[in-house]
Amino acid sequence: MIFSQRINHPALVASDTEATIKFYTEIMHMPMVLRQPNLDDPSLEHIFFDAGSNCFIAFFGPAAGYPPNTKMAEGGRVGYMKHLAFDVTPEVFQEALEYLPANGIKYRGPIDRGYERSIYFPDPNGITLEFLTWITPPPEDIPQGVIIKRAQDLREAEGAHHIEDAHIRRAIAELQAERAAVS
């Protein structure tokens, strides 16, 4: 049983509050929807950015008058986040390949992930962000998790190493056929 509707937000640590706000509002084009003192620690501010579809990214950053947070540099241990991934359309993905370097941001990729393509780039806190786009865009009326699960079943039945775009296309076709048969 799944208890949640979606991920509401990851809560991350910002090393520089103003640089984080500038990056997420100007580079990622996410509106800042909340900025207030942290209720547990007055040396920090609590910042929320709207990531779309009722999902947010939260940061705890140094409040005005407090030094930058250097604890973020301690990565690679239990609890360390490898990266934060965002679904993007194929059009946004293509635009990002020019937009990021034009704004001084280096990225790694595009990398073929079987059924999706990815690029990776840093935010000003050293957090690796991923833009991913599906090779075959999922239909809006079928949840991505349902498609991936069906593609996983198809992959396992074939003994394939990983999910490929062909598995996604077959999964979508099967799921659409099942829905049509019920209607």
N, C-alpha and C. Protein backbone atom coordinates (compact mmCIF):
# COMPACT_ATOMS: atom_id res chain seq x y z
N MET A 1 0.84 -1.18 0.00
CA MET A 1 0.00 0.00 0.00
C MET A 1 0.88 1.24 0.00
N ILE A 2 0.58 2.19 -0.86
CA ILE A 2 1.32 3.45 -0.91
C ILE A 2 0.56 4.47 -0.07
N PHE A 3 1.25 5.10 0.86
CA PHE A 3 0.61 6.03 1.77
C PHE A 3 0.66 7.48 1.31
N SER A 4 1.54 7.80 0.38
CA SER A 4 1.65 9.19 -0.04
C SER A 4 1.12 9.38 -1.44
N GLN A 5 0.80 10.61 -1.78
CA GLN A 5 0.35 10.95 -3.12
C GLN A 5 1.52 11.26 -4.03
N ARG A 6 2.55 11.89 -3.49
CA ARG A 6 3.74 12.28 -4.25
C ARG A 6 4.78 12.75 -3.25
N ILE A 7 5.99 12.95 -3.72
CA ILE A 7 7.00 13.56 -2.88
C ILE A 7 6.64 15.03 -2.77
N ASN A 8 6.49 15.54 -1.56
CA ASN A 8 6.18 16.95 -1.39
C ASN A 8 7.43 17.78 -1.56
N HIS A 9 8.50 17.41 -0.86
CA HIS A 9 9.76 18.14 -1.01
C HIS A 9 10.91 17.39 -0.37
N PRO A 10 12.10 17.50 -0.97
CA PRO A 10 13.30 17.15 -0.24
C PRO A 10 13.69 18.40 0.56
N ALA A 11 14.21 18.22 1.75
CA ALA A 11 14.69 19.33 2.56
C ALA A 11 16.22 19.29 2.52
N LEU A 12 16.79 20.29 1.90
CA LEU A 12 18.22 20.32 1.64
C LEU A 12 18.88 21.45 2.41
N VAL A 13 20.19 21.42 2.49
CA VAL A 13 20.94 22.46 3.18
C VAL A 13 21.61 23.35 2.14
N ALA A 14 21.37 24.64 2.23
CA ALA A 14 22.00 25.61 1.33
C ALA A 14 23.23 26.20 2.00
N SER A 15 24.30 26.32 1.25
CA SER A 15 25.50 26.94 1.80
C SER A 15 25.40 28.46 1.73
N ASP A 16 24.68 28.98 0.73
CA ASP A 16 24.52 30.42 0.54
C ASP A 16 23.07 30.68 0.13
N THR A 17 22.30 31.31 0.99
CA THR A 17 20.87 31.50 0.76
C THR A 17 20.60 32.33 -0.49
N GLU A 18 21.28 33.45 -0.65
CA GLU A 18 21.00 34.32 -1.80
C GLU A 18 21.39 33.66 -3.12
N ALA A 19 22.52 32.95 -3.15
CA ALA A 19 22.92 32.24 -4.38
C ALA A 19 21.93 31.14 -4.72
N THR A 20 21.40 30.49 -3.69
CA THR A 20 20.40 29.43 -3.90
C THR A 20 19.12 30.02 -4.47
N ILE A 21 18.66 31.13 -3.91
CA ILE A 21 17.45 31.79 -4.43
C ILE A 21 17.65 32.21 -5.88
N LYS A 22 18.78 32.82 -6.17
CA LYS A 22 19.06 33.27 -7.53
C LYS A 22 19.07 32.09 -8.50
N PHE A 23 19.74 31.01 -8.14
CA PHE A 23 19.84 29.84 -9.02
C PHE A 23 18.46 29.24 -9.29
N TYR A 24 17.69 28.97 -8.24
CA TYR A 24 16.41 28.28 -8.43
C TYR A 24 15.35 29.18 -9.08
N THR A 25 15.40 30.48 -8.85
CA THR A 25 14.41 31.35 -9.50
C THR A 25 14.84 31.75 -10.90
N GLU A 26 16.11 32.04 -11.13
CA GLU A 26 16.56 32.54 -12.43
C GLU A 26 17.03 31.46 -13.38
N ILE A 27 17.67 30.42 -12.90
CA ILE A 27 18.17 29.36 -13.78
C ILE A 27 17.13 28.25 -13.92
N MET A 28 16.57 27.81 -12.81
CA MET A 28 15.59 26.72 -12.84
C MET A 28 14.16 27.23 -13.08
N HIS A 29 13.95 28.53 -13.00
CA HIS A 29 12.63 29.16 -13.22
C HIS A 29 11.55 28.60 -12.28
N MET A 30 11.93 28.38 -11.03
CA MET A 30 10.98 27.92 -10.03
C MET A 30 10.62 29.09 -9.14
N PRO A 31 9.35 29.39 -9.01
CA PRO A 31 8.97 30.48 -8.11
C PRO A 31 9.31 30.15 -6.65
N MET A 32 9.84 31.14 -5.94
CA MET A 32 10.03 30.96 -4.51
C MET A 32 8.68 31.26 -3.87
N VAL A 33 8.11 30.27 -3.18
CA VAL A 33 6.77 30.44 -2.62
C VAL A 33 6.77 30.65 -1.11
N LEU A 34 7.91 30.46 -0.48
CA LEU A 34 7.99 30.67 0.97
C LEU A 34 9.42 31.05 1.33
N ARG A 35 9.54 32.05 2.17
CA ARG A 35 10.84 32.41 2.74
C ARG A 35 10.54 32.96 4.12
N GLN A 36 10.95 32.22 5.14
CA GLN A 36 10.67 32.63 6.51
C GLN A 36 11.75 32.11 7.44
N PRO A 37 11.82 32.65 8.66
CA PRO A 37 12.79 32.12 9.62
C PRO A 37 12.49 30.65 9.91
N ASN A 38 13.54 29.87 10.10
CA ASN A 38 13.35 28.49 10.49
C ASN A 38 12.82 28.47 11.91
N LEU A 39 11.78 27.70 12.15
CA LEU A 39 11.14 27.70 13.47
C LEU A 39 11.96 26.97 14.53
N ASP A 40 12.92 26.15 14.10
CA ASP A 40 13.74 25.40 15.06
C ASP A 40 15.11 26.02 15.32
N ASP A 41 15.58 26.88 14.40
CA ASP A 41 16.93 27.42 14.51
C ASP A 41 16.96 28.81 13.88
N PRO A 42 17.06 29.87 14.69
CA PRO A 42 17.00 31.23 14.14
C PRO A 42 18.19 31.61 13.25
N SER A 43 19.24 30.79 13.23
CA SER A 43 20.37 31.09 12.36
C SER A 43 20.09 30.66 10.92
N LEU A 44 18.95 30.01 10.69
CA LEU A 44 18.60 29.51 9.36
C LEU A 44 17.30 30.12 8.86
N GLU A 45 17.18 30.20 7.53
CA GLU A 45 15.92 30.55 6.88
C GLU A 45 15.38 29.29 6.23
N HIS A 46 14.07 29.21 6.11
CA HIS A 46 13.40 28.10 5.45
C HIS A 46 12.85 28.64 4.13
N ILE A 47 13.27 28.03 3.00
CA ILE A 47 12.92 28.53 1.67
C ILE A 47 12.27 27.40 0.89
N PHE A 48 11.14 27.68 0.24
CA PHE A 48 10.46 26.69 -0.61
C PHE A 48 10.37 27.21 -2.03
N PHE A 49 10.70 26.34 -3.00
CA PHE A 49 10.54 26.63 -4.42
C PHE A 49 9.50 25.68 -4.99
N ASP A 50 8.64 26.19 -5.87
CA ASP A 50 7.60 25.39 -6.50
C ASP A 50 8.21 24.66 -7.69
N ALA A 51 8.27 23.31 -7.62
CA ALA A 51 8.84 22.49 -8.69
C ALA A 51 7.76 21.99 -9.66
N GLY A 52 6.51 22.41 -9.47
CA GLY A 52 5.42 21.99 -10.34
C GLY A 52 4.69 20.77 -9.81
N SER A 53 3.46 20.59 -10.27
CA SER A 53 2.63 19.42 -9.91
C SER A 53 2.55 19.20 -8.40
N ASN A 54 2.43 20.27 -7.64
CA ASN A 54 2.32 20.20 -6.18
C ASN A 54 3.54 19.59 -5.52
N CYS A 55 4.70 19.77 -6.12
CA CYS A 55 5.97 19.31 -5.55
C CYS A 55 6.86 20.53 -5.32
N PHE A 56 7.66 20.47 -4.27
CA PHE A 56 8.48 21.59 -3.86
C PHE A 56 9.89 21.13 -3.54
N ILE A 57 10.82 22.08 -3.52
CA ILE A 57 12.17 21.85 -3.02
C ILE A 57 12.35 22.82 -1.87
N ALA A 58 12.73 22.31 -0.72
CA ALA A 58 12.95 23.14 0.46
C ALA A 58 14.43 23.21 0.77
N PHE A 59 14.86 24.38 1.21
CA PHE A 59 16.24 24.57 1.65
C PHE A 59 16.25 25.22 3.02
N PHE A 60 17.23 24.83 3.82
CA PHE A 60 17.55 25.52 5.06
C PHE A 60 18.87 26.23 4.77
N GLY A 61 18.82 27.56 4.71
CA GLY A 61 20.01 28.33 4.40
C GLY A 61 20.33 29.31 5.50
N PRO A 62 21.56 29.81 5.54
CA PRO A 62 21.94 30.77 6.58
C PRO A 62 21.07 32.02 6.51
N ALA A 63 20.56 32.46 7.66
CA ALA A 63 19.78 33.70 7.75
C ALA A 63 20.72 34.89 7.62
N ALA A 64 20.16 36.05 7.29
CA ALA A 64 20.95 37.27 7.17
C ALA A 64 21.77 37.48 8.44
N GLY A 65 23.04 37.80 8.26
CA GLY A 65 23.92 38.04 9.41
C GLY A 65 24.64 36.81 9.91
N TYR A 66 24.34 35.64 9.35
CA TYR A 66 25.01 34.40 9.76
C TYR A 66 25.96 33.96 8.65
N PRO A 67 27.07 33.29 9.01
CA PRO A 67 28.05 32.89 7.99
C PRO A 67 27.51 31.78 7.08
N PRO A 68 28.13 31.63 5.90
CA PRO A 68 27.72 30.53 5.01
C PRO A 68 27.85 29.18 5.71
N ASN A 69 27.03 28.25 5.29
CA ASN A 69 27.02 26.91 5.87
C ASN A 69 28.05 26.04 5.15
N THR A 70 29.06 25.57 5.87
CA THR A 70 30.10 24.75 5.25
C THR A 70 29.87 23.26 5.48
N LYS A 71 28.85 22.89 6.25
CA LYS A 71 28.59 21.48 6.52
C LYS A 71 28.19 20.71 5.26
N MET A 72 27.67 21.42 4.24
CA MET A 72 27.21 20.77 3.01
C MET A 72 28.36 20.07 2.30
N ALA A 73 29.59 20.52 2.51
CA ALA A 73 30.74 19.93 1.81
C ALA A 73 31.02 18.50 2.24
N GLU A 74 30.43 18.06 3.35
CA GLU A 74 30.68 16.71 3.85
C GLU A 74 29.73 15.72 3.16
N GLY A 75 30.08 15.27 1.98
CA GLY A 75 29.20 14.35 1.26
C GLY A 75 29.70 12.94 1.30
N GLY A 76 28.97 12.06 0.66
CA GLY A 76 29.39 10.69 0.48
C GLY A 76 29.21 9.78 1.68
N ARG A 77 28.43 10.14 2.64
CA ARG A 77 28.20 9.28 3.80
C ARG A 77 26.74 8.83 3.80
N VAL A 78 26.38 7.98 4.73
CA VAL A 78 24.99 7.53 4.84
C VAL A 78 24.10 8.75 4.97
N GLY A 79 23.04 8.78 4.21
CA GLY A 79 22.14 9.93 4.22
C GLY A 79 22.47 10.98 3.19
N TYR A 80 23.59 10.81 2.50
CA TYR A 80 24.00 11.75 1.47
C TYR A 80 23.11 11.55 0.24
N MET A 81 22.66 12.64 -0.35
CA MET A 81 21.83 12.55 -1.53
C MET A 81 22.71 12.57 -2.77
N LYS A 82 22.55 11.57 -3.64
CA LYS A 82 23.35 11.47 -4.86
C LYS A 82 22.98 12.57 -5.84
N HIS A 83 21.68 12.75 -6.11
CA HIS A 83 21.22 13.82 -7.00
C HIS A 83 19.71 14.00 -6.84
N LEU A 84 19.21 15.09 -7.38
CA LEU A 84 17.79 15.40 -7.37
C LEU A 84 17.35 15.49 -8.83
N ALA A 85 16.42 14.63 -9.24
CA ALA A 85 16.03 14.52 -10.64
C ALA A 85 14.70 15.22 -10.91
N PHE A 86 14.64 15.86 -12.07
CA PHE A 86 13.43 16.54 -12.53
C PHE A 86 13.01 15.97 -13.87
N ASP A 87 11.74 15.61 -14.01
CA ASP A 87 11.19 15.28 -15.33
C ASP A 87 11.09 16.57 -16.12
N VAL A 88 11.52 16.53 -17.37
CA VAL A 88 11.34 17.67 -18.27
C VAL A 88 10.87 17.15 -19.62
N THR A 89 10.22 18.01 -20.38
CA THR A 89 9.79 17.63 -21.72
C THR A 89 11.01 17.52 -22.63
N PRO A 90 10.87 16.82 -23.77
CA PRO A 90 11.99 16.77 -24.72
C PRO A 90 12.41 18.17 -25.18
N GLU A 91 11.46 19.08 -25.31
CA GLU A 91 11.77 20.44 -25.74
C GLU A 91 12.61 21.18 -24.69
N VAL A 92 12.24 21.07 -23.42
CA VAL A 92 12.99 21.71 -22.35
C VAL A 92 14.39 21.07 -22.25
N PHE A 93 14.46 19.76 -22.42
CA PHE A 93 15.74 19.06 -22.38
C PHE A 93 16.69 19.65 -23.43
N GLN A 94 16.20 19.78 -24.67
CA GLN A 94 17.01 20.34 -25.76
C GLN A 94 17.42 21.78 -25.45
N GLU A 95 16.49 22.57 -24.95
CA GLU A 95 16.80 23.97 -24.62
C GLU A 95 17.87 24.04 -23.53
N ALA A 96 17.82 23.12 -22.57
CA ALA A 96 18.79 23.13 -21.46
C ALA A 96 20.22 22.91 -21.95
N LEU A 97 20.37 22.15 -23.04
CA LEU A 97 21.71 21.88 -23.57
C LEU A 97 22.41 23.16 -24.01
N GLU A 98 21.65 24.19 -24.37
CA GLU A 98 22.21 25.49 -24.73
C GLU A 98 22.10 26.49 -23.58
N TYR A 99 20.98 26.43 -22.87
CA TYR A 99 20.68 27.40 -21.82
C TYR A 99 21.67 27.31 -20.65
N LEU A 100 21.97 26.09 -20.21
CA LEU A 100 22.87 25.94 -19.07
C LEU A 100 24.26 26.51 -19.36
N PRO A 101 24.93 26.11 -20.46
CA PRO A 101 26.25 26.69 -20.73
C PRO A 101 26.22 28.20 -20.96
N ALA A 102 25.13 28.69 -21.56
CA ALA A 102 25.00 30.14 -21.80
C ALA A 102 24.94 30.90 -20.47
N ASN A 103 24.58 30.19 -19.39
CA ASN A 103 24.53 30.79 -18.06
C ASN A 103 25.68 30.34 -17.18
N GLY A 104 26.74 29.83 -17.82
CA GLY A 104 27.95 29.47 -17.08
C GLY A 104 27.87 28.18 -16.31
N ILE A 105 26.91 27.31 -16.65
CA ILE A 105 26.73 26.06 -15.90
C ILE A 105 27.14 24.89 -16.79
N LYS A 106 28.16 24.16 -16.35
CA LYS A 106 28.61 22.99 -17.09
C LYS A 106 27.73 21.80 -16.73
N TYR A 107 27.48 20.95 -17.70
CA TYR A 107 26.69 19.75 -17.44
C TYR A 107 27.42 18.53 -17.99
N ARG A 108 27.01 17.37 -17.50
CA ARG A 108 27.53 16.08 -17.97
C ARG A 108 26.40 15.38 -18.71
N GLY A 109 26.67 14.90 -19.91
CA GLY A 109 25.65 14.22 -20.70
C GLY A 109 25.49 14.90 -22.04
N PRO A 110 24.44 14.56 -22.76
CA PRO A 110 23.35 13.65 -22.42
C PRO A 110 23.82 12.20 -22.33
N ILE A 111 23.20 11.49 -21.40
CA ILE A 111 23.50 10.09 -21.15
C ILE A 111 22.25 9.28 -21.45
N ASP A 112 22.40 8.23 -22.24
CA ASP A 112 21.30 7.34 -22.58
C ASP A 112 21.06 6.40 -21.40
N ARG A 113 19.86 6.42 -20.87
CA ARG A 113 19.50 5.58 -19.73
C ARG A 113 18.52 4.48 -20.13
N GLY A 114 18.51 4.10 -21.39
CA GLY A 114 17.62 3.03 -21.85
C GLY A 114 16.30 3.59 -22.36
N TYR A 115 15.48 4.09 -21.45
CA TYR A 115 14.20 4.67 -21.87
C TYR A 115 14.13 6.17 -21.62
N GLU A 116 15.22 6.72 -21.13
CA GLU A 116 15.26 8.16 -20.90
C GLU A 116 16.68 8.67 -21.17
N ARG A 117 16.77 9.97 -21.34
CA ARG A 117 18.07 10.64 -21.50
C ARG A 117 18.22 11.59 -20.33
N SER A 118 19.46 11.76 -19.88
CA SER A 118 19.72 12.59 -18.70
C SER A 118 20.91 13.50 -18.92
N ILE A 119 20.86 14.66 -18.26
CA ILE A 119 22.03 15.52 -18.08
C ILE A 119 22.12 15.85 -16.60
N TYR A 120 23.34 16.09 -16.14
CA TYR A 120 23.60 16.36 -14.72
C TYR A 120 24.37 17.66 -14.61
N PHE A 121 24.00 18.49 -13.63
CA PHE A 121 24.68 19.76 -13.42
C PHE A 121 24.53 20.17 -11.95
N PRO A 122 25.47 21.01 -11.46
CA PRO A 122 25.44 21.39 -10.04
C PRO A 122 24.62 22.65 -9.79
N ASP A 123 24.03 22.70 -8.59
CA ASP A 123 23.45 23.97 -8.12
C ASP A 123 24.54 24.67 -7.31
N PRO A 124 24.30 25.88 -6.80
CA PRO A 124 25.38 26.59 -6.09
C PRO A 124 25.76 25.98 -4.74
N ASN A 125 25.04 24.95 -4.29
CA ASN A 125 25.35 24.30 -3.02
C ASN A 125 26.12 23.00 -3.22
N GLY A 126 26.44 22.67 -4.48
CA GLY A 126 27.12 21.43 -4.76
C GLY A 126 26.17 20.25 -4.91
N ILE A 127 24.87 20.50 -4.95
CA ILE A 127 23.89 19.44 -5.15
C ILE A 127 23.81 19.14 -6.64
N THR A 128 23.94 17.89 -7.01
CA THR A 128 23.82 17.51 -8.41
C THR A 128 22.36 17.41 -8.78
N LEU A 129 21.97 18.14 -9.83
CA LEU A 129 20.62 18.09 -10.35
C LEU A 129 20.63 17.31 -11.65
N GLU A 130 19.52 16.62 -11.92
CA GLU A 130 19.38 15.86 -13.16
C GLU A 130 18.13 16.33 -13.88
N PHE A 131 18.25 16.60 -15.15
CA PHE A 131 17.10 16.78 -16.03
C PHE A 131 16.98 15.48 -16.81
N LEU A 132 15.81 14.86 -16.76
CA LEU A 132 15.61 13.64 -17.53
C LEU A 132 14.36 13.78 -18.38
N THR A 133 14.43 13.19 -19.55
CA THR A 133 13.28 13.17 -20.44
C THR A 133 13.13 11.76 -20.98
N TRP A 134 11.89 11.31 -21.03
CA TRP A 134 11.62 9.99 -21.57
C TRP A 134 11.78 10.03 -23.08
N ILE A 135 12.33 8.98 -23.67
CA ILE A 135 12.46 8.91 -25.12
C ILE A 135 11.07 8.83 -25.74
N THR A 136 10.21 7.98 -25.21
CA THR A 136 8.80 7.94 -25.58
C THR A 136 8.03 8.59 -24.44
N PRO A 137 7.54 9.80 -24.63
CA PRO A 137 6.85 10.48 -23.53
C PRO A 137 5.66 9.67 -23.02
N PRO A 138 5.53 9.55 -21.70
CA PRO A 138 4.41 8.78 -21.14
C PRO A 138 3.09 9.54 -21.34
N PRO A 139 2.01 8.82 -21.64
CA PRO A 139 0.73 9.50 -21.75
C PRO A 139 0.32 10.05 -20.38
N GLU A 140 -0.36 11.18 -20.39
CA GLU A 140 -0.74 11.82 -19.13
C GLU A 140 -1.76 11.03 -18.33
N ASP A 141 -2.52 10.15 -18.98
CA ASP A 141 -3.57 9.43 -18.28
C ASP A 141 -3.11 8.11 -17.66
N ILE A 142 -1.82 7.79 -17.79
CA ILE A 142 -1.27 6.58 -17.16
C ILE A 142 -0.12 7.01 -16.26
N PRO A 143 -0.19 6.72 -14.96
CA PRO A 143 0.90 7.12 -14.07
C PRO A 143 2.24 6.50 -14.49
N GLN A 144 3.30 7.27 -14.34
CA GLN A 144 4.63 6.80 -14.72
C GLN A 144 5.01 5.52 -13.98
N GLY A 145 4.66 5.43 -12.71
CA GLY A 145 5.00 4.24 -11.93
C GLY A 145 4.36 2.98 -12.51
N VAL A 146 3.15 3.09 -13.02
CA VAL A 146 2.46 1.95 -13.61
C VAL A 146 3.18 1.53 -14.90
N ILE A 147 3.58 2.51 -15.70
CA ILE A 147 4.30 2.21 -16.95
C ILE A 147 5.64 1.55 -16.65
N ILE A 148 6.39 2.12 -15.71
CA ILE A 148 7.71 1.58 -15.38
C ILE A 148 7.59 0.16 -14.83
N LYS A 149 6.60 -0.08 -13.98
CA LYS A 149 6.40 -1.43 -13.42
C LYS A 149 6.11 -2.44 -14.52
N ARG A 150 5.23 -2.08 -15.47
CA ARG A 150 4.93 -2.99 -16.57
C ARG A 150 6.17 -3.22 -17.43
N ALA A 151 6.92 -2.15 -17.71
CA ALA A 151 8.15 -2.29 -18.50
C ALA A 151 9.16 -3.17 -17.76
N GLN A 152 9.22 -3.05 -16.45
CA GLN A 152 10.11 -3.88 -15.64
C GLN A 152 9.71 -5.35 -15.78
N ASP A 153 8.41 -5.63 -15.72
CA ASP A 153 7.94 -7.02 -15.88
C ASP A 153 8.32 -7.56 -17.27
N LEU A 154 8.17 -6.72 -18.30
CA LEU A 154 8.53 -7.13 -19.66
C LEU A 154 10.04 -7.38 -19.76
N ARG A 155 10.83 -6.49 -19.16
CA ARG A 155 12.28 -6.64 -19.17
C ARG A 155 12.70 -7.94 -18.51
N GLU A 156 12.12 -8.21 -17.32
CA GLU A 156 12.47 -9.44 -16.60
C GLU A 156 12.07 -10.68 -17.38
N ALA A 157 10.88 -10.65 -18.02
CA ALA A 157 10.42 -11.80 -18.81
C ALA A 157 11.37 -12.08 -19.97
N GLU A 158 11.96 -11.05 -20.53
CA GLU A 158 12.92 -11.20 -21.64
C GLU A 158 14.32 -11.55 -21.14
N GLY A 159 14.60 -11.29 -19.90
CA GLY A 159 15.95 -11.46 -19.38
C GLY A 159 16.88 -10.33 -19.81
N ALA A 160 16.29 -9.18 -20.17
CA ALA A 160 17.08 -8.02 -20.61
C ALA A 160 17.80 -7.39 -19.42
N HIS A 161 18.92 -6.76 -19.69
CA HIS A 161 19.75 -6.14 -18.66
C HIS A 161 19.05 -4.98 -17.97
N HIS A 162 18.39 -4.13 -18.75
CA HIS A 162 17.72 -2.96 -18.19
C HIS A 162 16.54 -2.57 -19.09
N ILE A 163 15.69 -1.70 -18.59
CA ILE A 163 14.53 -1.26 -19.36
C ILE A 163 15.01 -0.40 -20.52
N GLU A 164 14.54 -0.74 -21.70
CA GLU A 164 14.81 0.02 -22.92
C GLU A 164 13.53 0.72 -23.35
N ASP A 165 13.66 1.64 -24.29
CA ASP A 165 12.50 2.34 -24.81
C ASP A 165 11.47 1.38 -25.40
N ALA A 166 11.93 0.30 -26.02
CA ALA A 166 10.99 -0.68 -26.59
C ALA A 166 10.09 -1.28 -25.50
N HIS A 167 10.64 -1.51 -24.31
CA HIS A 167 9.82 -2.01 -23.19
C HIS A 167 8.77 -0.98 -22.80
N ILE A 168 9.17 0.29 -22.77
CA ILE A 168 8.23 1.36 -22.42
C ILE A 168 7.11 1.43 -23.46
N ARG A 169 7.46 1.40 -24.73
CA ARG A 169 6.44 1.46 -25.79
C ARG A 169 5.47 0.29 -25.69
N ARG A 170 6.00 -0.91 -25.45
CA ARG A 170 5.13 -2.09 -25.30
C ARG A 170 4.26 -1.97 -24.06
N ALA A 171 4.84 -1.50 -22.97
CA ALA A 171 4.06 -1.34 -21.73
C ALA A 171 2.91 -0.36 -21.94
N ILE A 172 3.19 0.77 -22.57
CA ILE A 172 2.15 1.77 -22.83
C ILE A 172 1.06 1.17 -23.71
N ALA A 173 1.44 0.47 -24.77
CA ALA A 173 0.46 -0.13 -25.67
C ALA A 173 -0.41 -1.15 -24.93
N GLU A 174 0.21 -1.99 -24.12
CA GLU A 174 -0.56 -2.97 -23.36
C GLU A 174 -1.54 -2.30 -22.39
N LEU A 175 -1.05 -1.31 -21.66
CA LEU A 175 -1.89 -0.63 -20.69
C LEU A 175 -3.04 0.11 -21.37
N GLN A 176 -2.78 0.73 -22.50
CA GLN A 176 -3.85 1.42 -23.23
C GLN A 176 -4.86 0.41 -23.75
N ALA A 177 -4.40 -0.75 -24.24
CA ALA A 177 -5.31 -1.78 -24.73
C ALA A 177 -6.17 -2.32 -23.59
N GLU A 178 -5.58 -2.52 -22.42
CA GLU A 178 -6.34 -2.99 -21.26
C GLU A 178 -7.41 -1.99 -20.86
N ARG A 179 -7.08 -0.71 -20.87
CA ARG A 179 -8.05 0.32 -20.54
C ARG A 179 -9.19 0.37 -21.55
N ALA A 180 -8.83 0.24 -22.84
CA ALA A 180 -9.85 0.26 -23.90
C ALA A 180 -10.79 -0.92 -23.79
N ALA A 181 -10.25 -2.07 -23.39
CA ALA A 181 -11.08 -3.28 -23.25
C ALA A 181 -12.08 -3.15 -22.11
N VAL A 182 -11.72 -2.40 -21.08
CA VAL A 182 -12.59 -2.19 -19.92
C VAL A 182 -13.68 -1.15 -20.24
N SER A 183 -13.36 -0.20 -21.10
CA SER A 183 -14.30 0.88 -21.40
C SER A 183 -15.48 0.44 -22.22
